[in-house]
Amino acid sequence: MSPRRQDTVDAFERHLRAERGRSPHTVRAYLGDLRDFFAHLDGDSETPLGDVRLADLRAWLGDLSGAGAARATIARRSASLRTFFAWATRQGHVESDPSLRLAAPKRHRTLPPVLGKADAAGLLDVAAVAADDDDPVHIRDLAILELLYATGIRVSELTGLDVDDVDFDKDVVRVIGKGDKERRVPFGHPARHALESWLVRGRPRLAIDQCGPGLFLGRRGRRIDPRQVRTLVHDMLIHVPDAPDLGPHGLRHSAATHLLEGGADLRMVQELLGHASLSTTQIYTHVSIERLTASYAQAHPRA
């Protein structure tokens, strides 16, 4: 890219990181989408930003669709373009926003499989039996699974927790979510008991002098990472007969679905999950209705 266009993209990157608080993964996705679009647009010579038209944006998305890209991928890339050109227009890098009328295919509002309530209970029972051997890692694993299912927090939020983020007086955990937004999420008695056991009987045996304040530690005494948590969930679910193979995000989906099925208010679930938009949370109502319909069709003699 020319220095002028590169300067604009660099300024957009700073905007995403500093002003909008986007994660490094999200920033990389935005910048990758822009690079791909510019590579498609330019051909033999670079097109100035001010010369980009709606037809150029549509042509790129159309080529992606023709190449077999998933609708979710096209929707995300369309969002990247709209975010960039809206910002560039506000900053005066282009006179008018070519993406204003850019539409993207609607994403399939579907979730991966969720655990039934019995499967969730079975998963936690498996972890509890393992923790009976007093191995500090097994005590930790039970606390992790209980907290994930109790709160529906993201795996990145879980691994970022410090010891002081757990408030046993109010049975809530302080979570820093996307965009560095803070929220407090309650947990129940089983999670409280598992966390207390971990902090009393498990964590002190794994902690080293330089372990830091991380709530959950690995065998070497360092803060646990998301990969280890994903492996834990997959490995534990193997021991639950007929349960779907899920990761930590599947436990988040399961917690949200079970809350709504139990009568929780949609906005309360939105607050617990840390969703910026209620529309993101509404997907769980569709899943609950689908499960209700499937159960009705299987059980009712006149279905």
C-alpha atoms as a PDB file:
ATOM      1  CA  MET A   1       0.000   0.000   0.000  1.00  0.00           C
ATOM      2  CA  SER A   2       1.059   3.592  -0.557  1.00  0.00           C
ATOM      3  CA  PRO A   3       2.345   5.455   2.511  1.00  0.00           C
ATOM      4  CA  ARG A   4      -0.837   7.555   2.616  1.00  0.00           C
ATOM      5  CA  ARG A   5      -3.176   4.561   2.635  1.00  0.00           C
ATOM      6  CA  GLN A   6      -0.925   2.723   5.078  1.00  0.00           C
ATOM      7  CA  ASP A   7      -1.005   5.733   7.417  1.00  0.00           C
ATOM      8  CA  THR A   8      -4.805   5.624   7.324  1.00  0.00           C
ATOM      9  CA  VAL A   9      -4.882   1.915   8.094  1.00  0.00           C
ATOM     10  CA  ASP A  10      -2.344   2.394  10.906  1.00  0.00           C
ATOM     11  CA  ALA A  11      -4.524   5.153  12.390  1.00  0.00           C
ATOM     12  CA  PHE A  12      -7.554   2.853  12.152  1.00  0.00           C
ATOM     13  CA  GLU A  13      -5.619   0.150  14.001  1.00  0.00           C
ATOM     14  CA  ARG A  14      -4.787   2.600  16.795  1.00  0.00           C
ATOM     15  CA  HIS A  15      -8.454   3.586  16.942  1.00  0.00           C
ATOM     16  CA  LEU A  16      -9.515  -0.053  17.348  1.00  0.00           C
ATOM     17  CA  ARG A  17      -6.977  -0.739  20.072  1.00  0.00           C
ATOM     18  CA  ALA A  18      -7.031   2.479  22.094  1.00  0.00           C
ATOM     19  CA  GLU A  19     -10.478   3.986  21.600  1.00  0.00           C
ATOM     20  CA  ARG A  20     -12.685   0.940  21.048  1.00  0.00           C
ATOM     21  CA  GLY A  21     -10.703  -1.469  23.215  1.00  0.00           C
ATOM     22  CA  ARG A  22     -10.823  -4.308  20.707  1.00  0.00           C
ATOM     23  CA  SER A  23      -8.850  -7.469  21.474  1.00  0.00           C
ATOM     24  CA  PRO A  24      -5.668  -8.274  19.511  1.00  0.00           C
ATOM     25  CA  HIS A  25      -7.539 -11.127  17.784  1.00  0.00           C
ATOM     26  CA  THR A  26     -10.337  -8.797  16.650  1.00  0.00           C
ATOM     27  CA  VAL A  27      -7.886  -6.153  15.440  1.00  0.00           C
ATOM     28  CA  ARG A  28      -6.013  -8.766  13.391  1.00  0.00           C
ATOM     29  CA  ALA A  29      -9.299  -9.866  11.829  1.00  0.00           C
ATOM     30  CA  TYR A  30     -10.234  -6.291  10.839  1.00  0.00           C
ATOM     31  CA  LEU A  31      -6.820  -5.581   9.323  1.00  0.00           C
ATOM     32  CA  GLY A  32      -6.732  -8.918   7.505  1.00  0.00           C
ATOM     33  CA  ASP A  33     -10.113  -8.194   5.939  1.00  0.00           C
ATOM     34  CA  LEU A  34      -8.912  -4.784   4.775  1.00  0.00           C
ATOM     35  CA  ARG A  35      -5.739  -6.226   3.257  1.00  0.00           C
ATOM     36  CA  ASP A  36      -7.767  -8.837   1.384  1.00  0.00           C
ATOM     37  CA  PHE A  37     -10.194  -6.216   0.100  1.00  0.00           C
ATOM     38  CA  PHE A  38      -7.436  -3.877  -1.086  1.00  0.00           C
ATOM     39  CA  ALA A  39      -5.632  -6.766  -2.798  1.00  0.00           C
ATOM     40  CA  HIS A  40      -8.861  -7.622  -4.642  1.00  0.00           C
ATOM     41  CA  LEU A  41      -9.536  -3.973  -5.483  1.00  0.00           C
ATOM     42  CA  ASP A  42      -6.192  -2.777  -6.762  1.00  0.00           C
ATOM     43  CA  GLY A  43      -5.163  -5.168  -9.499  1.00  0.00           C
ATOM     44  CA  ASP A  44      -2.187  -3.591 -11.257  1.00  0.00           C
ATOM     45  CA  SER A  45      -2.454  -0.154  -9.637  1.00  0.00           C
ATOM     46  CA  GLU A  46      -3.562   1.159  -6.261  1.00  0.00           C
ATOM     47  CA  THR A  47      -7.026   2.691  -6.045  1.00  0.00           C
ATOM     48  CA  PRO A  48      -7.194   5.806  -3.839  1.00  0.00           C
ATOM     49  CA  LEU A  49      -9.504   5.432  -0.850  1.00  0.00           C
ATOM     50  CA  GLY A  50     -11.664   8.281  -2.120  1.00  0.00           C
ATOM     51  CA  ASP A  51     -12.326   6.395  -5.349  1.00  0.00           C
ATOM     52  CA  VAL A  52     -13.737   3.280  -3.686  1.00  0.00           C
ATOM     53  CA  ARG A  53     -17.392   2.753  -4.623  1.00  0.00           C
ATOM     54  CA  LEU A  54     -20.219   0.612  -3.329  1.00  0.00           C
ATOM     55  CA  ALA A  55     -19.905  -1.579  -6.433  1.00  0.00           C
ATOM     56  CA  ASP A  56     -16.287  -2.375  -5.469  1.00  0.00           C
ATOM     57  CA  LEU A  57     -17.359  -3.563  -2.020  1.00  0.00           C
ATOM     58  CA  ARG A  58     -20.189  -5.643  -3.443  1.00  0.00           C
ATOM     59  CA  ALA A  59     -17.908  -7.184  -6.059  1.00  0.00           C
ATOM     60  CA  TRP A  60     -15.476  -8.367  -3.393  1.00  0.00           C
ATOM     61  CA  LEU A  61     -18.199  -9.915  -1.262  1.00  0.00           C
ATOM     62  CA  GLY A  62     -19.713 -11.475  -4.367  1.00  0.00           C
ATOM     63  CA  ASP A  63     -16.405 -13.097  -5.272  1.00  0.00           C
ATOM     64  CA  LEU A  64     -16.090 -14.439  -1.734  1.00  0.00           C
ATOM     65  CA  SER A  65     -19.541 -15.960  -2.000  1.00  0.00           C
ATOM     66  CA  GLY A  66     -18.727 -17.475  -5.374  1.00  0.00           C
ATOM     67  CA  ALA A  67     -15.594 -19.021  -3.902  1.00  0.00           C
ATOM     68  CA  GLY A  68     -17.688 -20.782  -1.270  1.00  0.00           C
ATOM     69  CA  ALA A  69     -17.057 -18.563   1.754  1.00  0.00           C
ATOM     70  CA  ALA A  70     -19.483 -19.158   4.607  1.00  0.00           C
ATOM     71  CA  ARG A  71     -22.236 -16.621   5.154  1.00  0.00           C
ATOM     72  CA  ALA A  72     -20.853 -15.841   8.606  1.00  0.00           C
ATOM     73  CA  THR A  73     -17.456 -15.038   7.051  1.00  0.00           C
ATOM     74  CA  ILE A  74     -19.009 -12.743   4.456  1.00  0.00           C
ATOM     75  CA  ALA A  75     -21.084 -11.021   7.125  1.00  0.00           C
ATOM     76  CA  ARG A  76     -17.995 -10.424   9.253  1.00  0.00           C
ATOM     77  CA  ARG A  77     -15.987  -9.046   6.349  1.00  0.00           C
ATOM     78  CA  SER A  78     -18.856  -6.773   5.383  1.00  0.00           C
ATOM     79  CA  ALA A  79     -18.891  -5.482   8.958  1.00  0.00           C
ATOM     80  CA  SER A  80     -15.138  -4.836   8.774  1.00  0.00           C
ATOM     81  CA  LEU A  81     -15.583  -2.702   5.666  1.00  0.00           C
ATOM     82  CA  ARG A  82     -18.478  -0.751   7.150  1.00  0.00           C
ATOM     83  CA  THR A  83     -16.547  -0.074  10.361  1.00  0.00           C
ATOM     84  CA  PHE A  84     -13.456   1.090   8.486  1.00  0.00           C
ATOM     85  CA  PHE A  85     -15.180   3.365   5.992  1.00  0.00           C
ATOM     86  CA  ALA A  86     -17.509   4.872   8.613  1.00  0.00           C
ATOM     87  CA  TRP A  87     -14.431   5.749  10.694  1.00  0.00           C
ATOM     88  CA  ALA A  88     -12.499   7.002   7.645  1.00  0.00           C
ATOM     89  CA  THR A  89     -15.413   9.280   6.726  1.00  0.00           C
ATOM     90  CA  ARG A  90     -15.631  10.732  10.231  1.00  0.00           C
ATOM     91  CA  GLN A  91     -11.885  11.367  10.206  1.00  0.00           C
ATOM     92  CA  GLY A  92     -11.994  13.062   6.809  1.00  0.00           C
ATOM     93  CA  HIS A  93      -9.947  10.441   4.953  1.00  0.00           C
ATOM     94  CA  VAL A  94     -12.812  10.004   2.464  1.00  0.00           C
ATOM     95  CA  GLU A  95     -15.565  12.455   1.569  1.00  0.00           C
ATOM     96  CA  SER A  96     -18.456   9.988   1.609  1.00  0.00           C
ATOM     97  CA  ASP A  97     -18.930   6.506   2.995  1.00  0.00           C
ATOM     98  CA  PRO A  98     -19.240   3.955   0.153  1.00  0.00           C
ATOM     99  CA  SER A  99     -20.419   1.251   2.561  1.00  0.00           C
ATOM    100  CA  LEU A 100     -23.607   2.963   3.747  1.00  0.00           C
ATOM    101  CA  ARG A 101     -25.848   0.751   1.591  1.00  0.00           C
ATOM    102  CA  LEU A 102     -23.668  -2.337   1.813  1.00  0.00           C
ATOM    103  CA  ALA A 103     -25.754  -5.320   2.832  1.00  0.00           C
ATOM    104  CA  ALA A 104     -24.440  -8.676   3.951  1.00  0.00           C
ATOM    105  CA  PRO A 105     -26.130 -12.068   4.041  1.00  0.00           C
ATOM    106  CA  LYS A 106     -27.834 -12.749   7.329  1.00  0.00           C
ATOM    107  CA  ARG A 107     -25.867 -15.107   9.469  1.00  0.00           C
ATOM    108  CA  HIS A 108     -27.399 -18.389  10.460  1.00  0.00           C
ATOM    109  CA  ARG A 109     -28.529 -17.792  14.027  1.00  0.00           C
ATOM    110  CA  THR A 110     -27.555 -21.201  15.264  1.00  0.00           C
ATOM    111  CA  LEU A 111     -25.596 -22.503  18.195  1.00  0.00           C
ATOM    112  CA  PRO A 112     -23.412 -25.535  18.594  1.00  0.00           C
ATOM    113  CA  PRO A 113     -25.057 -28.297  20.635  1.00  0.00           C
ATOM    114  CA  VAL A 114     -25.683 -27.542  24.279  1.00  0.00           C
ATOM    115  CA  LEU A 115     -25.635 -29.888  27.225  1.00  0.00           C
ATOM    116  CA  GLY A 116     -28.897 -31.080  28.663  1.00  0.00           C
ATOM    117  CA  LYS A 117     -29.308 -30.374  32.358  1.00  0.00           C
ATOM    118  CA  ALA A 118     -28.637 -34.026  33.153  1.00  0.00           C
ATOM    119  CA  ASP A 119     -25.463 -33.983  31.036  1.00  0.00           C
ATOM    120  CA  ALA A 120     -24.266 -30.830  32.807  1.00  0.00           C
ATOM    121  CA  ALA A 121     -24.863 -32.485  36.160  1.00  0.00           C
ATOM    122  CA  GLY A 122     -23.043 -35.591  34.918  1.00  0.00           C
ATOM    123  CA  LEU A 123     -20.047 -33.525  33.838  1.00  0.00           C
ATOM    124  CA  LEU A 124     -19.761 -31.917  37.252  1.00  0.00           C
ATOM    125  CA  ASP A 125     -20.222 -35.275  38.968  1.00  0.00           C
ATOM    126  CA  VAL A 126     -17.316 -36.699  36.957  1.00  0.00           C
ATOM    127  CA  ALA A 127     -15.134 -33.764  38.009  1.00  0.00           C
ATOM    128  CA  ALA A 128     -16.211 -34.111  41.645  1.00  0.00           C
ATOM    129  CA  VAL A 129     -15.307 -37.810  41.734  1.00  0.00           C
ATOM    130  CA  ALA A 130     -11.890 -37.016  40.222  1.00  0.00           C
ATOM    131  CA  ALA A 131     -11.329 -34.309  42.845  1.00  0.00           C
ATOM    132  CA  ASP A 132     -11.835 -36.850  45.645  1.00  0.00           C
ATOM    133  CA  ASP A 133      -8.255 -38.069  45.127  1.00  0.00           C
ATOM    134  CA  ASP A 134      -7.044 -34.725  46.569  1.00  0.00           C
ATOM    135  CA  ASP A 135      -4.867 -33.991  43.531  1.00  0.00           C
ATOM    136  CA  PRO A 136      -4.680 -30.166  43.411  1.00  0.00           C
ATOM    137  CA  VAL A 137      -5.181 -30.148  39.634  1.00  0.00           C
ATOM    138  CA  HIS A 138      -8.368 -32.209  39.975  1.00  0.00           C
ATOM    139  CA  ILE A 139      -9.590 -29.857  42.726  1.00  0.00           C
ATOM    140  CA  ARG A 140      -8.866 -26.967  40.351  1.00  0.00           C
ATOM    141  CA  ASP A 141     -10.645 -28.669  37.454  1.00  0.00           C
ATOM    142  CA  LEU A 142     -13.829 -29.038  39.479  1.00  0.00           C
ATOM    143  CA  ALA A 143     -13.712 -25.362  40.455  1.00  0.00           C
ATOM    144  CA  ILE A 144     -13.180 -24.329  36.828  1.00  0.00           C
ATOM    145  CA  LEU A 145     -16.111 -26.378  35.526  1.00  0.00           C
ATOM    146  CA  GLU A 146     -18.433 -25.301  38.322  1.00  0.00           C
ATOM    147  CA  LEU A 147     -17.582 -21.634  37.719  1.00  0.00           C
ATOM    148  CA  LEU A 148     -17.907 -21.854  33.930  1.00  0.00           C
ATOM    149  CA  TYR A 149     -21.332 -23.467  34.163  1.00  0.00           C
ATOM    150  CA  ALA A 150     -22.514 -21.291  37.061  1.00  0.00           C
ATOM    151  CA  THR A 151     -21.611 -17.989  35.422  1.00  0.00           C
ATOM    152  CA  GLY A 152     -21.467 -18.546  31.653  1.00  0.00           C
ATOM    153  CA  ILE A 153     -18.284 -16.461  31.468  1.00  0.00           C
ATOM    154  CA  ARG A 154     -15.955 -16.749  28.476  1.00  0.00           C
ATOM    155  CA  VAL A 155     -12.833 -18.890  28.759  1.00  0.00           C
ATOM    156  CA  SER A 156     -10.660 -15.793  28.268  1.00  0.00           C
ATOM    157  CA  GLU A 157     -12.497 -14.111  31.129  1.00  0.00           C
ATOM    158  CA  LEU A 158     -12.026 -17.159  33.343  1.00  0.00           C
ATOM    159  CA  THR A 159      -8.284 -17.422  32.715  1.00  0.00           C
ATOM    160  CA  GLY A 160      -7.915 -13.687  33.353  1.00  0.00           C
ATOM    161  CA  LEU A 161      -9.430 -13.887  36.839  1.00  0.00           C
ATOM    162  CA  ASP A 162      -7.316 -13.010  39.866  1.00  0.00           C
ATOM    163  CA  VAL A 163      -7.851 -14.352  43.373  1.00  0.00           C
ATOM    164  CA  ASP A 164      -9.181 -10.967  44.529  1.00  0.00           C
ATOM    165  CA  ASP A 165     -11.868 -11.029  41.808  1.00  0.00           C
ATOM    166  CA  VAL A 166     -13.855 -13.596  43.803  1.00  0.00           C
ATOM    167  CA  ASP A 167     -16.136 -12.014  46.413  1.00  0.00           C
ATOM    168  CA  PHE A 168     -17.310 -14.702  48.829  1.00  0.00           C
ATOM    169  CA  ASP A 169     -19.303 -12.182  50.886  1.00  0.00           C
ATOM    170  CA  LYS A 170     -21.686 -11.645  47.972  1.00  0.00           C
ATOM    171  CA  ASP A 171     -20.936 -14.818  45.954  1.00  0.00           C
ATOM    172  CA  VAL A 172     -20.038 -12.858  42.835  1.00  0.00           C
ATOM    173  CA  VAL A 173     -17.008 -12.794  40.575  1.00  0.00           C
ATOM    174  CA  ARG A 174     -15.615  -9.621  39.020  1.00  0.00           C
ATOM    175  CA  VAL A 175     -15.102 -10.147  35.296  1.00  0.00           C
ATOM    176  CA  ILE A 176     -13.337  -7.968  32.728  1.00  0.00           C
ATOM    177  CA  GLY A 177     -15.040  -8.684  29.411  1.00  0.00           C
ATOM    178  CA  LYS A 178     -14.775  -7.476  25.841  1.00  0.00           C
ATOM    179  CA  GLY A 179     -13.763  -3.848  25.476  1.00  0.00           C
ATOM    180  CA  ASP A 180     -12.388  -3.949  29.050  1.00  0.00           C
ATOM    181  CA  LYS A 181     -15.948  -3.680  30.367  1.00  0.00           C
ATOM    182  CA  GLU A 182     -16.342  -4.798  33.956  1.00  0.00           C
ATOM    183  CA  ARG A 183     -19.302  -6.757  35.279  1.00  0.00           C
ATOM    184  CA  ARG A 184     -20.071  -8.815  38.364  1.00  0.00           C
ATOM    185  CA  VAL A 185     -21.580 -12.254  37.896  1.00  0.00           C
ATOM    186  CA  PRO A 186     -23.156 -14.308  40.693  1.00  0.00           C
ATOM    187  CA  PHE A 187     -22.444 -17.968  41.328  1.00  0.00           C
ATOM    188  CA  GLY A 188     -24.222 -20.581  43.423  1.00  0.00           C
ATOM    189  CA  HIS A 189     -23.324 -22.754  46.393  1.00  0.00           C
ATOM    190  CA  PRO A 190     -21.707 -25.632  44.429  1.00  0.00           C
ATOM    191  CA  ALA A 191     -19.342 -23.201  42.694  1.00  0.00           C
ATOM    192  CA  ARG A 192     -18.638 -21.465  46.003  1.00  0.00           C
ATOM    193  CA  HIS A 193     -17.754 -24.766  47.671  1.00  0.00           C
ATOM    194  CA  ALA A 194     -15.507 -25.810  44.758  1.00  0.00           C
ATOM    195  CA  LEU A 195     -13.725 -22.435  44.731  1.00  0.00           C
ATOM    196  CA  GLU A 196     -13.150 -22.516  48.492  1.00  0.00           C
ATOM    197  CA  SER A 197     -11.712 -26.024  48.231  1.00  0.00           C
ATOM    198  CA  TRP A 198      -9.407 -24.910  45.425  1.00  0.00           C
ATOM    199  CA  LEU A 199      -8.166 -21.857  47.309  1.00  0.00           C
ATOM    200  CA  VAL A 200      -7.624 -23.770  50.563  1.00  0.00           C
ATOM    201  CA  ARG A 201      -6.557 -27.257  49.433  1.00  0.00           C
ATOM    202  CA  GLY A 202      -5.387 -26.829  45.837  1.00  0.00           C
ATOM    203  CA  ARG A 203      -3.906 -23.503  44.840  1.00  0.00           C
ATOM    204  CA  PRO A 204      -1.378 -23.217  47.714  1.00  0.00           C
ATOM    205  CA  ARG A 205       0.162 -26.540  46.652  1.00  0.00           C
ATOM    206  CA  LEU A 206       0.709 -25.361  43.068  1.00  0.00           C
ATOM    207  CA  ALA A 207       1.677 -21.751  43.737  1.00  0.00           C
ATOM    208  CA  ILE A 208       5.308 -20.731  43.320  1.00  0.00           C
ATOM    209  CA  ASP A 209       7.071 -17.571  44.473  1.00  0.00           C
ATOM    210  CA  GLN A 210       6.478 -15.763  41.182  1.00  0.00           C
ATOM    211  CA  CYS A 211       3.059 -17.203  40.338  1.00  0.00           C
ATOM    212  CA  GLY A 212       1.269 -13.844  40.484  1.00  0.00           C
ATOM    213  CA  PRO A 213      -2.367 -13.230  41.462  1.00  0.00           C
ATOM    214  CA  GLY A 214      -3.998 -15.554  38.909  1.00  0.00           C
ATOM    215  CA  LEU A 215      -6.964 -17.456  40.334  1.00  0.00           C
ATOM    216  CA  PHE A 216      -6.355 -20.697  38.422  1.00  0.00           C
ATOM    217  CA  LEU A 217      -2.860 -22.143  38.082  1.00  0.00           C
ATOM    218  CA  GLY A 218      -1.301 -24.983  36.108  1.00  0.00           C
ATOM    219  CA  ARG A 219       0.918 -27.724  37.511  1.00  0.00           C
ATOM    220  CA  ARG A 220       3.978 -25.486  37.086  1.00  0.00           C
ATOM    221  CA  GLY A 221       2.431 -22.742  39.171  1.00  0.00           C
ATOM    222  CA  ARG A 222       1.702 -20.311  36.365  1.00  0.00           C
ATOM    223  CA  ARG A 223      -1.663 -18.828  35.379  1.00  0.00           C
ATOM    224  CA  ILE A 224      -3.666 -21.362  33.378  1.00  0.00           C
ATOM    225  CA  ASP A 225      -4.246 -20.593  29.697  1.00  0.00           C
ATOM    226  CA  PRO A 226      -7.411 -21.022  27.565  1.00  0.00           C
ATOM    227  CA  ARG A 227      -5.969 -24.012  25.703  1.00  0.00           C
ATOM    228  CA  GLN A 228      -5.660 -25.975  28.951  1.00  0.00           C
ATOM    229  CA  VAL A 229      -9.269 -25.186  29.855  1.00  0.00           C
ATOM    230  CA  ARG A 230     -10.513 -26.318  26.450  1.00  0.00           C
ATOM    231  CA  THR A 231      -8.640 -29.598  26.821  1.00  0.00           C
ATOM    232  CA  LEU A 232     -10.118 -30.068  30.285  1.00  0.00           C
ATOM    233  CA  VAL A 233     -13.712 -29.664  29.095  1.00  0.00           C
ATOM    234  CA  HIS A 234     -13.256 -32.018  26.142  1.00  0.00           C
ATOM    235  CA  ASP A 235     -11.530 -34.658  28.274  1.00  0.00           C
ATOM    236  CA  MET A 236     -14.169 -34.565  31.007  1.00  0.00           C
ATOM    237  CA  LEU A 237     -17.096 -34.820  28.601  1.00  0.00           C
ATOM    238  CA  ILE A 238     -15.719 -38.086  27.235  1.00  0.00           C
ATOM    239  CA  HIS A 239     -16.851 -39.660  30.513  1.00  0.00           C
ATOM    240  CA  VAL A 240     -20.473 -38.428  30.191  1.00  0.00           C
ATOM    241  CA  PRO A 241     -22.401 -40.983  28.080  1.00  0.00           C
ATOM    242  CA  ASP A 242     -24.015 -39.552  24.921  1.00  0.00           C
ATOM    243  CA  ALA A 243     -23.058 -35.962  25.800  1.00  0.00           C
ATOM    244  CA  PRO A 244     -22.027 -33.767  22.834  1.00  0.00           C
ATOM    245  CA  ASP A 245     -18.347 -32.876  22.540  1.00  0.00           C
ATOM    246  CA  LEU A 246     -18.220 -29.241  23.614  1.00  0.00           C
ATOM    247  CA  GLY A 247     -15.600 -26.747  24.659  1.00  0.00           C
ATOM    248  CA  PRO A 248     -15.828 -23.999  27.293  1.00  0.00           C
ATOM    249  CA  HIS A 249     -17.983 -21.881  24.976  1.00  0.00           C
ATOM    250  CA  GLY A 250     -20.436 -24.770  24.863  1.00  0.00           C
ATOM    251  CA  LEU A 251     -20.753 -24.507  28.637  1.00  0.00           C
ATOM    252  CA  ARG A 252     -21.473 -20.792  28.212  1.00  0.00           C
ATOM    253  CA  HIS A 253     -24.226 -21.626  25.709  1.00  0.00           C
ATOM    254  CA  SER A 254     -25.562 -24.319  28.027  1.00  0.00           C
ATOM    255  CA  ALA A 255     -25.675 -21.985  31.031  1.00  0.00           C
ATOM    256  CA  ALA A 256     -27.559 -19.309  29.076  1.00  0.00           C
ATOM    257  CA  THR A 257     -30.035 -21.804  27.623  1.00  0.00           C
ATOM    258  CA  HIS A 258     -30.734 -23.393  31.005  1.00  0.00           C
ATOM    259  CA  LEU A 259     -31.230 -19.990  32.620  1.00  0.00           C
ATOM    260  CA  LEU A 260     -33.862 -19.022  30.073  1.00  0.00           C
ATOM    261  CA  GLU A 261     -35.536 -22.397  30.249  1.00  0.00           C
ATOM    262  CA  GLY A 262     -35.735 -21.908  34.004  1.00  0.00           C
ATOM    263  CA  GLY A 263     -37.565 -18.598  33.589  1.00  0.00           C
ATOM    264  CA  ALA A 264     -34.725 -16.060  33.788  1.00  0.00           C
ATOM    265  CA  ASP A 265     -35.341 -12.641  32.237  1.00  0.00           C
ATOM    266  CA  LEU A 266     -33.645 -12.102  28.884  1.00  0.00           C
ATOM    267  CA  ARG A 267     -32.067  -8.814  29.931  1.00  0.00           C
ATOM    268  CA  MET A 268     -30.693 -10.418  33.076  1.00  0.00           C
ATOM    269  CA  VAL A 269     -29.050 -13.103  30.955  1.00  0.00           C
ATOM    270  CA  GLN A 270     -27.668 -10.380  28.678  1.00  0.00           C
ATOM    271  CA  GLU A 271     -26.075  -8.696  31.694  1.00  0.00           C
ATOM    272  CA  LEU A 272     -24.638 -11.956  33.022  1.00  0.00           C
ATOM    273  CA  LEU A 273     -23.093 -12.890  29.674  1.00  0.00           C
ATOM    274  CA  GLY A 274     -21.729  -9.406  29.002  1.00  0.00           C
ATOM    275  CA  HIS A 275     -23.481  -9.019  25.634  1.00  0.00           C
ATOM    276  CA  ALA A 276     -23.421  -5.473  24.289  1.00  0.00           C
ATOM    277  CA  SER A 277     -26.630  -6.048  22.328  1.00  0.00           C
ATOM    278  CA  LEU A 278     -29.820  -7.792  23.396  1.00  0.00           C
ATOM    279  CA  SER A 279     -30.106  -9.262  19.896  1.00  0.00           C
ATOM    280  CA  THR A 280     -27.040 -11.405  20.635  1.00  0.00           C
ATOM    281  CA  THR A 281     -28.740 -12.866  23.692  1.00  0.00           C
ATOM    282  CA  GLN A 282     -32.027 -13.482  21.863  1.00  0.00           C
ATOM    283  CA  ILE A 283     -30.503 -16.400  19.986  1.00  0.00           C
ATOM    284  CA  TYR A 284     -30.894 -18.439  23.173  1.00  0.00           C
ATOM    285  CA  THR A 285     -34.648 -17.943  23.139  1.00  0.00           C
ATOM    286  CA  HIS A 286     -34.748 -19.491  19.660  1.00  0.00           C
ATOM    287  CA  VAL A 287     -32.678 -22.441  20.835  1.00  0.00           C
ATOM    288  CA  SER A 288     -34.942 -22.966  23.837  1.00  0.00           C
ATOM    289  CA  ILE A 289     -38.046 -22.904  21.635  1.00  0.00           C
ATOM    290  CA  GLU A 290     -36.447 -25.359  19.196  1.00  0.00           C
ATOM    291  CA  ARG A 291     -35.664 -27.733  22.046  1.00  0.00           C
ATOM    292  CA  LEU A 292     -39.189 -27.339  23.432  1.00  0.00           C
ATOM    293  CA  THR A 293     -40.675 -28.078  20.008  1.00  0.00           C
ATOM    294  CA  ALA A 294     -38.467 -31.142  19.564  1.00  0.00           C
ATOM    295  CA  SER A 295     -39.422 -32.451  23.002  1.00  0.00           C
ATOM    296  CA  TYR A 296     -43.107 -31.853  22.263  1.00  0.00           C
ATOM    297  CA  ALA A 297     -42.895 -33.689  18.945  1.00  0.00           C
ATOM    298  CA  GLN A 298     -41.230 -36.644  20.641  1.00  0.00           C
ATOM    299  CA  ALA A 299     -43.452 -36.831  23.693  1.00  0.00           C
ATOM    300  CA  HIS A 300     -46.968 -35.709  22.784  1.00  0.00           C
ATOM    301  CA  PRO A 301     -49.229 -38.412  21.318  1.00  0.00           C
ATOM    302  CA  ARG A 302     -50.986 -35.886  19.051  1.00  0.00           C
ATOM    303  CA  ALA A 303     -47.873 -34.031  17.914  1.00  0.00           C
END
